[in-house]
Amino acid sequence: MFLFSTHYFDYLFPMKLKLILLLFFVVISDLIAQEVQPRKENDSIVVGERVEDSLYREDQFYLGFTFNLLLSKPKSIDQSGFSGGFQAGYLRDIPVNKARTFAVAPGLGWSINTYGQNLLVTETENDESLFIALDEDYDYSSNRFTTYLLEAPLELRWRSSTPSTYKFWRIYAGFKVSYLYHFKSKYEGTSNNVIQTKVEELNRWRYGAMFTFGYNTFNFHFYYSLNPLFDAQTYESGQQIGLHPLKIGFTFYIL
């Protein structure tokens, strides 16, 4: 059983990133506060009533937390420790039927994902990438890589909502195109540390399928990468590395 320690939280969210997330939450809170506003009726002000909107939209801001797995990996590669991720973004809900229970939703988002595993990403003296599967001959305390992505999801949506119902079932399925704009691999050994950020064999354009379902606040989320993370081979055995991320977690919608 792995514990989510404050040390790991600081690794996943450095100070600049925490400030960005804080600003994001402040903006979202302000939007929520503006959702219910006083309105005039027969020259009087009605406070606290919610005006039913027959042209309502659903679930346009989202936050998500995931547990990350690496599939299609060679036998010499194993995951270890906790691998997690965070995602946030905006989806423009576009209903396509009169009842507004069906919709499409294109959007923009951002995510950070970390993976604990035994694949050392380093380089030779000629600045060529080198991928080594760590075994018992290597004495190290930590080895993980982190990915930062800009994302463009597209969802097909069904929900049981109405203009006056705010607790409803939802089933969303879709496709996501992402660009991995920053990669960081960090190895901490007893004799040396290795940090690698430039990897030519990395597939920076990411393509994946996603599925979300749930009721009210709790919504399960799945994402599977259709293309491998690396186009490379391990140094020792020449095995194709591949690695297809699978993310399993929760998504929370706002507005």
C-alpha atoms as a PDB file:
ATOM      1  CA  MET A   1       0.000   0.000   0.000  1.00  0.00           C
ATOM      2  CA  PHE A   2       1.459   3.354  -1.057  1.00  0.00           C
ATOM      3  CA  LEU A   3       0.935   6.535   0.946  1.00  0.00           C
ATOM      4  CA  PHE A   4       0.510   9.919  -0.739  1.00  0.00           C
ATOM      5  CA  SER A   5       3.177  11.841   1.199  1.00  0.00           C
ATOM      6  CA  THR A   6       3.777  15.591   1.259  1.00  0.00           C
ATOM      7  CA  HIS A   7       7.187  14.943  -0.307  1.00  0.00           C
ATOM      8  CA  TYR A   8       5.515  13.343  -3.310  1.00  0.00           C
ATOM      9  CA  PHE A   9       2.980  16.210  -3.502  1.00  0.00           C
ATOM     10  CA  ASP A  10       5.840  18.746  -3.611  1.00  0.00           C
ATOM     11  CA  TYR A  11       7.496  16.713  -6.377  1.00  0.00           C
ATOM     12  CA  LEU A  12       4.320  16.577  -8.454  1.00  0.00           C
ATOM     13  CA  PHE A  13       3.350  20.215  -7.852  1.00  0.00           C
ATOM     14  CA  PRO A  14       6.309  22.662  -7.616  1.00  0.00           C
ATOM     15  CA  MET A  15       5.708  26.174  -6.241  1.00  0.00           C
ATOM     16  CA  LYS A  16       5.004  27.897  -9.595  1.00  0.00           C
ATOM     17  CA  LEU A  17       2.504  25.203 -10.482  1.00  0.00           C
ATOM     18  CA  LYS A  18       0.755  25.561  -7.111  1.00  0.00           C
ATOM     19  CA  LEU A  19       0.292  29.306  -7.770  1.00  0.00           C
ATOM     20  CA  ILE A  20      -1.235  28.575 -11.190  1.00  0.00           C
ATOM     21  CA  LEU A  21      -3.631  26.034  -9.669  1.00  0.00           C
ATOM     22  CA  LEU A  22      -4.576  28.489  -6.921  1.00  0.00           C
ATOM     23  CA  LEU A  23      -5.432  31.130  -9.551  1.00  0.00           C
ATOM     24  CA  PHE A  24      -7.496  28.541 -11.442  1.00  0.00           C
ATOM     25  CA  PHE A  25      -9.526  27.684  -8.335  1.00  0.00           C
ATOM     26  CA  VAL A  26     -10.096  31.383  -7.571  1.00  0.00           C
ATOM     27  CA  VAL A  27     -11.481  31.970 -11.081  1.00  0.00           C
ATOM     28  CA  ILE A  28     -13.733  28.907 -10.847  1.00  0.00           C
ATOM     29  CA  SER A  29     -15.015  29.984  -7.423  1.00  0.00           C
ATOM     30  CA  ASP A  30     -15.868  33.416  -8.824  1.00  0.00           C
ATOM     31  CA  LEU A  31     -17.800  31.850 -11.705  1.00  0.00           C
ATOM     32  CA  ILE A  32     -19.771  29.684  -9.279  1.00  0.00           C
ATOM     33  CA  ALA A  33     -20.585  32.709  -7.143  1.00  0.00           C
ATOM     34  CA  GLN A  34     -21.969  34.469 -10.219  1.00  0.00           C
ATOM     35  CA  GLU A  35     -24.216  31.548 -11.140  1.00  0.00           C
ATOM     36  CA  VAL A  36     -27.076  32.576  -8.802  1.00  0.00           C
ATOM     37  CA  GLN A  37     -27.828  36.281  -9.106  1.00  0.00           C
ATOM     38  CA  PRO A  38     -30.734  38.442  -7.894  1.00  0.00           C
ATOM     39  CA  ARG A  39     -33.302  39.139 -10.617  1.00  0.00           C
ATOM     40  CA  LYS A  40     -36.092  41.697 -11.028  1.00  0.00           C
ATOM     41  CA  GLU A  41     -39.717  40.609 -11.204  1.00  0.00           C
ATOM     42  CA  ASN A  42     -42.527  43.184 -11.430  1.00  0.00           C
ATOM     43  CA  ASP A  43     -40.148  45.924 -10.314  1.00  0.00           C
ATOM     44  CA  SER A  44     -39.151  43.892  -7.229  1.00  0.00           C
ATOM     45  CA  ILE A  45     -35.972  41.936  -6.585  1.00  0.00           C
ATOM     46  CA  VAL A  46     -36.169  38.210  -5.987  1.00  0.00           C
ATOM     47  CA  VAL A  47     -33.132  36.919  -4.105  1.00  0.00           C
ATOM     48  CA  GLY A  48     -31.989  33.301  -3.936  1.00  0.00           C
ATOM     49  CA  GLU A  49     -34.242  31.945  -6.675  1.00  0.00           C
ATOM     50  CA  ARG A  50     -32.665  30.037  -9.500  1.00  0.00           C
ATOM     51  CA  VAL A  51     -34.012  30.901 -12.928  1.00  0.00           C
ATOM     52  CA  GLU A  52     -34.591  27.814 -15.042  1.00  0.00           C
ATOM     53  CA  ASP A  53     -32.636  28.032 -18.265  1.00  0.00           C
ATOM     54  CA  SER A  54     -34.053  25.947 -21.103  1.00  0.00           C
ATOM     55  CA  LEU A  55     -30.809  26.560 -23.016  1.00  0.00           C
ATOM     56  CA  TYR A  56     -28.548  25.338 -20.220  1.00  0.00           C
ATOM     57  CA  ARG A  57     -25.136  23.746 -20.736  1.00  0.00           C
ATOM     58  CA  GLU A  58     -23.469  21.171 -18.503  1.00  0.00           C
ATOM     59  CA  ASP A  59     -20.026  20.211 -17.178  1.00  0.00           C
ATOM     60  CA  GLN A  60     -17.845  22.777 -18.907  1.00  0.00           C
ATOM     61  CA  PHE A  61     -14.969  22.990 -16.417  1.00  0.00           C
ATOM     62  CA  TYR A  62     -13.328  19.803 -15.156  1.00  0.00           C
ATOM     63  CA  LEU A  63     -10.705  18.625 -12.682  1.00  0.00           C
ATOM     64  CA  GLY A  64      -9.386  15.080 -12.503  1.00  0.00           C
ATOM     65  CA  PHE A  65      -7.060  12.868 -10.496  1.00  0.00           C
ATOM     66  CA  THR A  66      -5.770   9.568 -11.877  1.00  0.00           C
ATOM     67  CA  PHE A  67      -3.701   6.525 -11.051  1.00  0.00           C
ATOM     68  CA  ASN A  68      -1.388   5.829 -14.000  1.00  0.00           C
ATOM     69  CA  LEU A  69      -0.382   2.445 -15.373  1.00  0.00           C
ATOM     70  CA  LEU A  70       2.054   1.572 -18.155  1.00  0.00           C
ATOM     71  CA  LEU A  71       0.860  -1.153 -20.525  1.00  0.00           C
ATOM     72  CA  SER A  72       2.546  -2.948 -23.442  1.00  0.00           C
ATOM     73  CA  LYS A  73       5.908  -2.818 -21.713  1.00  0.00           C
ATOM     74  CA  PRO A  74       8.791  -5.304 -22.144  1.00  0.00           C
ATOM     75  CA  LYS A  75       9.358  -7.971 -19.489  1.00  0.00           C
ATOM     76  CA  SER A  76      12.356  -6.116 -18.079  1.00  0.00           C
ATOM     77  CA  ILE A  77      10.321  -2.987 -17.258  1.00  0.00           C
ATOM     78  CA  ASP A  78       8.241  -2.796 -14.071  1.00  0.00           C
ATOM     79  CA  GLN A  79       6.380  -0.039 -12.276  1.00  0.00           C
ATOM     80  CA  SER A  80       7.153   0.779  -8.653  1.00  0.00           C
ATOM     81  CA  GLY A  81       5.881   3.297  -6.139  1.00  0.00           C
ATOM     82  CA  PHE A  82       2.903   5.561  -6.772  1.00  0.00           C
ATOM     83  CA  SER A  83       2.174   6.836 -10.297  1.00  0.00           C
ATOM     84  CA  GLY A  84      -0.439   9.568 -10.427  1.00  0.00           C
ATOM     85  CA  GLY A  85      -1.719  12.484 -12.441  1.00  0.00           C
ATOM     86  CA  PHE A  86      -3.761  15.667 -12.385  1.00  0.00           C
ATOM     87  CA  GLN A  87      -5.758  17.211 -15.226  1.00  0.00           C
ATOM     88  CA  ALA A  88      -7.877  20.328 -15.653  1.00  0.00           C
ATOM     89  CA  GLY A  89      -9.529  22.153 -18.501  1.00  0.00           C
ATOM     90  CA  TYR A  90     -12.580  23.553 -20.265  1.00  0.00           C
ATOM     91  CA  LEU A  91     -15.089  21.771 -22.523  1.00  0.00           C
ATOM     92  CA  ARG A  92     -17.620  23.718 -24.585  1.00  0.00           C
ATOM     93  CA  ASP A  93     -20.886  21.826 -24.142  1.00  0.00           C
ATOM     94  CA  ILE A  94     -22.970  21.887 -27.360  1.00  0.00           C
ATOM     95  CA  PRO A  95     -26.358  20.136 -26.989  1.00  0.00           C
ATOM     96  CA  VAL A  96     -27.655  18.493 -30.172  1.00  0.00           C
ATOM     97  CA  ASN A  97     -31.269  17.634 -29.223  1.00  0.00           C
ATOM     98  CA  LYS A  98     -34.181  19.657 -27.859  1.00  0.00           C
ATOM     99  CA  ALA A  99     -34.100  17.977 -24.432  1.00  0.00           C
ATOM    100  CA  ARG A 100     -30.355  18.759 -24.249  1.00  0.00           C
ATOM    101  CA  THR A 101     -29.576  15.255 -23.007  1.00  0.00           C
ATOM    102  CA  PHE A 102     -27.181  14.602 -25.898  1.00  0.00           C
ATOM    103  CA  ALA A 103     -24.238  16.861 -26.673  1.00  0.00           C
ATOM    104  CA  VAL A 104     -20.788  17.146 -28.157  1.00  0.00           C
ATOM    105  CA  ALA A 105     -18.015  18.916 -26.271  1.00  0.00           C
ATOM    106  CA  PRO A 106     -14.687  20.060 -27.752  1.00  0.00           C
ATOM    107  CA  GLY A 107     -12.216  21.528 -25.308  1.00  0.00           C
ATOM    108  CA  LEU A 108      -8.748  22.488 -24.161  1.00  0.00           C
ATOM    109  CA  GLY A 109      -6.905  21.204 -21.120  1.00  0.00           C
ATOM    110  CA  TRP A 110      -3.647  20.561 -19.337  1.00  0.00           C
ATOM    111  CA  SER A 111      -2.266  17.620 -17.398  1.00  0.00           C
ATOM    112  CA  ILE A 112       0.753  16.474 -15.424  1.00  0.00           C
ATOM    113  CA  ASN A 113       1.554  12.781 -14.976  1.00  0.00           C
ATOM    114  CA  THR A 114       4.282  10.958 -13.103  1.00  0.00           C
ATOM    115  CA  TYR A 115       5.369   7.325 -13.471  1.00  0.00           C
ATOM    116  CA  GLY A 116       7.534   5.373 -11.060  1.00  0.00           C
ATOM    117  CA  GLN A 117       9.346   2.555 -12.902  1.00  0.00           C
ATOM    118  CA  ASN A 118      12.770   0.993 -13.498  1.00  0.00           C
ATOM    119  CA  LEU A 119      13.585   2.440 -16.941  1.00  0.00           C
ATOM    120  CA  LEU A 120      16.643   4.690 -16.658  1.00  0.00           C
ATOM    121  CA  VAL A 121      16.606   7.371 -19.351  1.00  0.00           C
ATOM    122  CA  THR A 122      20.077   8.794 -19.857  1.00  0.00           C
ATOM    123  CA  GLU A 123      22.494   9.548 -22.717  1.00  0.00           C
ATOM    124  CA  THR A 124      25.883   8.564 -24.098  1.00  0.00           C
ATOM    125  CA  GLU A 125      28.939  10.791 -24.452  1.00  0.00           C
ATOM    126  CA  ASN A 126      27.724  11.541 -27.984  1.00  0.00           C
ATOM    127  CA  ASP A 127      24.416  12.895 -26.617  1.00  0.00           C
ATOM    128  CA  GLU A 128      22.493   9.883 -27.873  1.00  0.00           C
ATOM    129  CA  SER A 129      19.617   8.594 -25.766  1.00  0.00           C
ATOM    130  CA  LEU A 130      20.228   5.470 -23.708  1.00  0.00           C
ATOM    131  CA  PHE A 131      17.498   3.370 -22.111  1.00  0.00           C
ATOM    132  CA  ILE A 132      18.541   0.932 -19.379  1.00  0.00           C
ATOM    133  CA  ALA A 133      16.270  -1.480 -17.521  1.00  0.00           C
ATOM    134  CA  LEU A 134      17.421  -1.264 -13.907  1.00  0.00           C
ATOM    135  CA  ASP A 135      17.850  -4.575 -12.072  1.00  0.00           C
ATOM    136  CA  GLU A 136      19.316  -5.734  -8.748  1.00  0.00           C
ATOM    137  CA  ASP A 137      22.799  -4.626  -9.868  1.00  0.00           C
ATOM    138  CA  TYR A 138      21.718  -0.987  -9.574  1.00  0.00           C
ATOM    139  CA  ASP A 139      21.421   0.543  -6.119  1.00  0.00           C
ATOM    140  CA  TYR A 140      18.966   3.436  -6.340  1.00  0.00           C
ATOM    141  CA  SER A 141      16.262   5.012  -4.208  1.00  0.00           C
ATOM    142  CA  SER A 142      13.999   6.500  -6.872  1.00  0.00           C
ATOM    143  CA  ASN A 143      13.492   6.464 -10.612  1.00  0.00           C
ATOM    144  CA  ARG A 144      10.526   8.163 -12.283  1.00  0.00           C
ATOM    145  CA  PHE A 145       9.620  10.361 -15.196  1.00  0.00           C
ATOM    146  CA  THR A 146       7.060  13.148 -15.429  1.00  0.00           C
ATOM    147  CA  THR A 147       5.140  14.388 -18.455  1.00  0.00           C
ATOM    148  CA  TYR A 148       3.453  17.765 -18.978  1.00  0.00           C
ATOM    149  CA  LEU A 149       0.811  17.941 -21.709  1.00  0.00           C
ATOM    150  CA  LEU A 150      -1.488  20.385 -23.472  1.00  0.00           C
ATOM    151  CA  GLU A 151      -4.663  18.533 -24.413  1.00  0.00           C
ATOM    152  CA  ALA A 152      -7.557  18.860 -26.866  1.00  0.00           C
ATOM    153  CA  PRO A 153     -10.389  16.483 -25.849  1.00  0.00           C
ATOM    154  CA  LEU A 154     -13.571  15.851 -27.823  1.00  0.00           C
ATOM    155  CA  GLU A 155     -16.504  14.157 -26.063  1.00  0.00           C
ATOM    156  CA  LEU A 156     -19.822  12.667 -27.146  1.00  0.00           C
ATOM    157  CA  ARG A 157     -22.174  13.096 -24.189  1.00  0.00           C
ATOM    158  CA  TRP A 158     -25.368  11.660 -22.756  1.00  0.00           C
ATOM    159  CA  ARG A 159     -26.833  12.780 -19.440  1.00  0.00           C
ATOM    160  CA  SER A 160     -30.180  12.598 -17.642  1.00  0.00           C
ATOM    161  CA  SER A 161     -30.197  16.272 -16.651  1.00  0.00           C
ATOM    162  CA  THR A 162     -33.063  18.771 -16.930  1.00  0.00           C
ATOM    163  CA  PRO A 163     -33.136  22.569 -16.466  1.00  0.00           C
ATOM    164  CA  SER A 164     -33.997  22.035 -12.776  1.00  0.00           C
ATOM    165  CA  THR A 165     -32.049  18.832 -12.030  1.00  0.00           C
ATOM    166  CA  TYR A 166     -28.451  19.175 -10.919  1.00  0.00           C
ATOM    167  CA  LYS A 167     -27.881  15.594  -9.830  1.00  0.00           C
ATOM    168  CA  PHE A 168     -27.942  13.310 -12.827  1.00  0.00           C
ATOM    169  CA  TRP A 169     -26.335  10.339 -14.553  1.00  0.00           C
ATOM    170  CA  ARG A 170     -23.759  10.942 -17.249  1.00  0.00           C
ATOM    171  CA  ILE A 171     -21.924   8.822 -19.819  1.00  0.00           C
ATOM    172  CA  TYR A 172     -19.234  10.594 -21.812  1.00  0.00           C
ATOM    173  CA  ALA A 173     -16.969   8.959 -24.398  1.00  0.00           C
ATOM    174  CA  GLY A 174     -14.405  10.583 -26.617  1.00  0.00           C
ATOM    175  CA  PHE A 175     -10.973  11.081 -28.080  1.00  0.00           C
ATOM    176  CA  LYS A 176      -8.066  13.219 -26.963  1.00  0.00           C
ATOM    177  CA  VAL A 177      -5.101  14.683 -28.856  1.00  0.00           C
ATOM    178  CA  SER A 178      -2.262  15.935 -26.655  1.00  0.00           C
ATOM    179  CA  TYR A 179       1.138  17.501 -27.074  1.00  0.00           C
ATOM    180  CA  LEU A 180       3.815  16.533 -24.557  1.00  0.00           C
ATOM    181  CA  TYR A 181       5.669  19.835 -24.254  1.00  0.00           C
ATOM    182  CA  HIS A 182       7.947  18.912 -21.346  1.00  0.00           C
ATOM    183  CA  PHE A 183       9.471  15.643 -20.172  1.00  0.00           C
ATOM    184  CA  LYS A 184      11.626  15.038 -17.110  1.00  0.00           C
ATOM    185  CA  SER A 185      13.240  11.777 -16.046  1.00  0.00           C
ATOM    186  CA  LYS A 186      14.916  11.697 -12.629  1.00  0.00           C
ATOM    187  CA  TYR A 187      17.114   8.913 -11.268  1.00  0.00           C
ATOM    188  CA  GLU A 188      18.403   9.038  -7.679  1.00  0.00           C
ATOM    189  CA  GLY A 189      21.151   6.540  -6.979  1.00  0.00           C
ATOM    190  CA  THR A 190      23.596   5.995  -4.154  1.00  0.00           C
ATOM    191  CA  SER A 191      26.546   7.231  -6.197  1.00  0.00           C
ATOM    192  CA  ASN A 192      24.954   9.685  -8.634  1.00  0.00           C
ATOM    193  CA  ASN A 193      21.747  11.363  -9.793  1.00  0.00           C
ATOM    194  CA  VAL A 194      20.612  11.639 -13.416  1.00  0.00           C
ATOM    195  CA  ILE A 195      18.109  14.148 -14.813  1.00  0.00           C
ATOM    196  CA  GLN A 196      17.130  13.885 -18.474  1.00  0.00           C
ATOM    197  CA  THR A 197      14.754  16.237 -20.328  1.00  0.00           C
ATOM    198  CA  LYS A 198      15.713  15.931 -23.999  1.00  0.00           C
ATOM    199  CA  VAL A 199      14.699  12.614 -25.537  1.00  0.00           C
ATOM    200  CA  GLU A 200      14.458  12.404 -29.325  1.00  0.00           C
ATOM    201  CA  GLU A 201      12.722   9.014 -29.200  1.00  0.00           C
ATOM    202  CA  LEU A 202       9.771  10.445 -27.271  1.00  0.00           C
ATOM    203  CA  ASN A 203       6.436  10.555 -29.115  1.00  0.00           C
ATOM    204  CA  ARG A 204       5.367  14.055 -28.167  1.00  0.00           C
ATOM    205  CA  TRP A 205       2.056  13.935 -30.045  1.00  0.00           C
ATOM    206  CA  ARG A 206      -0.263  11.725 -28.007  1.00  0.00           C
ATOM    207  CA  TYR A 207      -3.530  10.120 -29.130  1.00  0.00           C
ATOM    208  CA  GLY A 208      -5.961   8.340 -26.846  1.00  0.00           C
ATOM    209  CA  ALA A 209      -9.507   7.204 -26.137  1.00  0.00           C
ATOM    210  CA  MET A 210     -11.358   8.223 -22.981  1.00  0.00           C
ATOM    211  CA  PHE A 211     -14.532   7.257 -21.145  1.00  0.00           C
ATOM    212  CA  THR A 212     -16.271   8.864 -18.161  1.00  0.00           C
ATOM    213  CA  PHE A 213     -19.394   7.768 -16.330  1.00  0.00           C
ATOM    214  CA  GLY A 214     -20.977   8.544 -12.987  1.00  0.00           C
ATOM    215  CA  TYR A 215     -23.695  10.238 -10.989  1.00  0.00           C
ATOM    216  CA  ASN A 216     -23.608  13.719  -9.505  1.00  0.00           C
ATOM    217  CA  THR A 217     -20.165  14.403  -7.979  1.00  0.00           C
ATOM    218  CA  PHE A 218     -18.505  11.018  -8.419  1.00  0.00           C
ATOM    219  CA  ASN A 219     -17.473  10.218 -11.962  1.00  0.00           C
ATOM    220  CA  PHE A 220     -15.068   7.467 -12.944  1.00  0.00           C
ATOM    221  CA  HIS A 221     -12.622   8.336 -15.708  1.00  0.00           C
ATOM    222  CA  PHE A 222     -10.547   6.118 -18.010  1.00  0.00           C
ATOM    223  CA  TYR A 223      -7.997   7.089 -20.632  1.00  0.00           C
ATOM    224  CA  TYR A 224      -5.891   4.794 -22.816  1.00  0.00           C
ATOM    225  CA  SER A 225      -3.060   6.001 -25.044  1.00  0.00           C
ATOM    226  CA  LEU A 226      -3.322   4.567 -28.554  1.00  0.00           C
ATOM    227  CA  ASN A 227       0.300   5.284 -29.480  1.00  0.00           C
ATOM    228  CA  PRO A 228       3.435   4.314 -27.517  1.00  0.00           C
ATOM    229  CA  LEU A 229       5.340   6.781 -25.376  1.00  0.00           C
ATOM    230  CA  PHE A 230       8.748   5.853 -26.842  1.00  0.00           C
ATOM    231  CA  ASP A 231      10.016   4.657 -30.200  1.00  0.00           C
ATOM    232  CA  ALA A 232      13.156   3.097 -28.758  1.00  0.00           C
ATOM    233  CA  GLN A 233      14.764  -0.129 -27.520  1.00  0.00           C
ATOM    234  CA  THR A 234      16.356  -1.134 -24.234  1.00  0.00           C
ATOM    235  CA  TYR A 235      20.147  -1.103 -24.179  1.00  0.00           C
ATOM    236  CA  GLU A 236      20.665  -4.614 -22.818  1.00  0.00           C
ATOM    237  CA  SER A 237      18.210  -6.770 -24.771  1.00  0.00           C
ATOM    238  CA  GLY A 238      17.129  -4.566 -27.655  1.00  0.00           C
ATOM    239  CA  GLN A 239      13.460  -4.959 -26.686  1.00  0.00           C
ATOM    240  CA  GLN A 240      11.002  -2.400 -28.014  1.00  0.00           C
ATOM    241  CA  ILE A 241      10.084  -0.137 -25.090  1.00  0.00           C
ATOM    242  CA  GLY A 242       6.684   1.075 -26.254  1.00  0.00           C
ATOM    243  CA  LEU A 243       4.694   1.918 -23.085  1.00  0.00           C
ATOM    244  CA  HIS A 244       1.015   2.835 -23.496  1.00  0.00           C
ATOM    245  CA  PRO A 245      -0.258   4.864 -20.500  1.00  0.00           C
ATOM    246  CA  LEU A 246      -3.597   3.862 -18.968  1.00  0.00           C
ATOM    247  CA  LYS A 247      -5.137   6.375 -16.563  1.00  0.00           C
ATOM    248  CA  ILE A 248      -7.873   5.431 -14.100  1.00  0.00           C
ATOM    249  CA  GLY A 249      -9.380   7.955 -11.711  1.00  0.00           C
ATOM    250  CA  PHE A 250     -12.074  10.506 -10.904  1.00  0.00           C
ATOM    251  CA  THR A 251     -13.280  13.562 -12.783  1.00  0.00           C
ATOM    252  CA  PHE A 252     -15.138  16.444 -11.118  1.00  0.00           C
ATOM    253  CA  TYR A 253     -17.203  18.858 -13.222  1.00  0.00           C
ATOM    254  CA  ILE A 254     -17.933  22.480 -12.409  1.00  0.00           C
ATOM    255  CA  LEU A 255     -20.642  24.580 -14.102  1.00  0.00           C
END
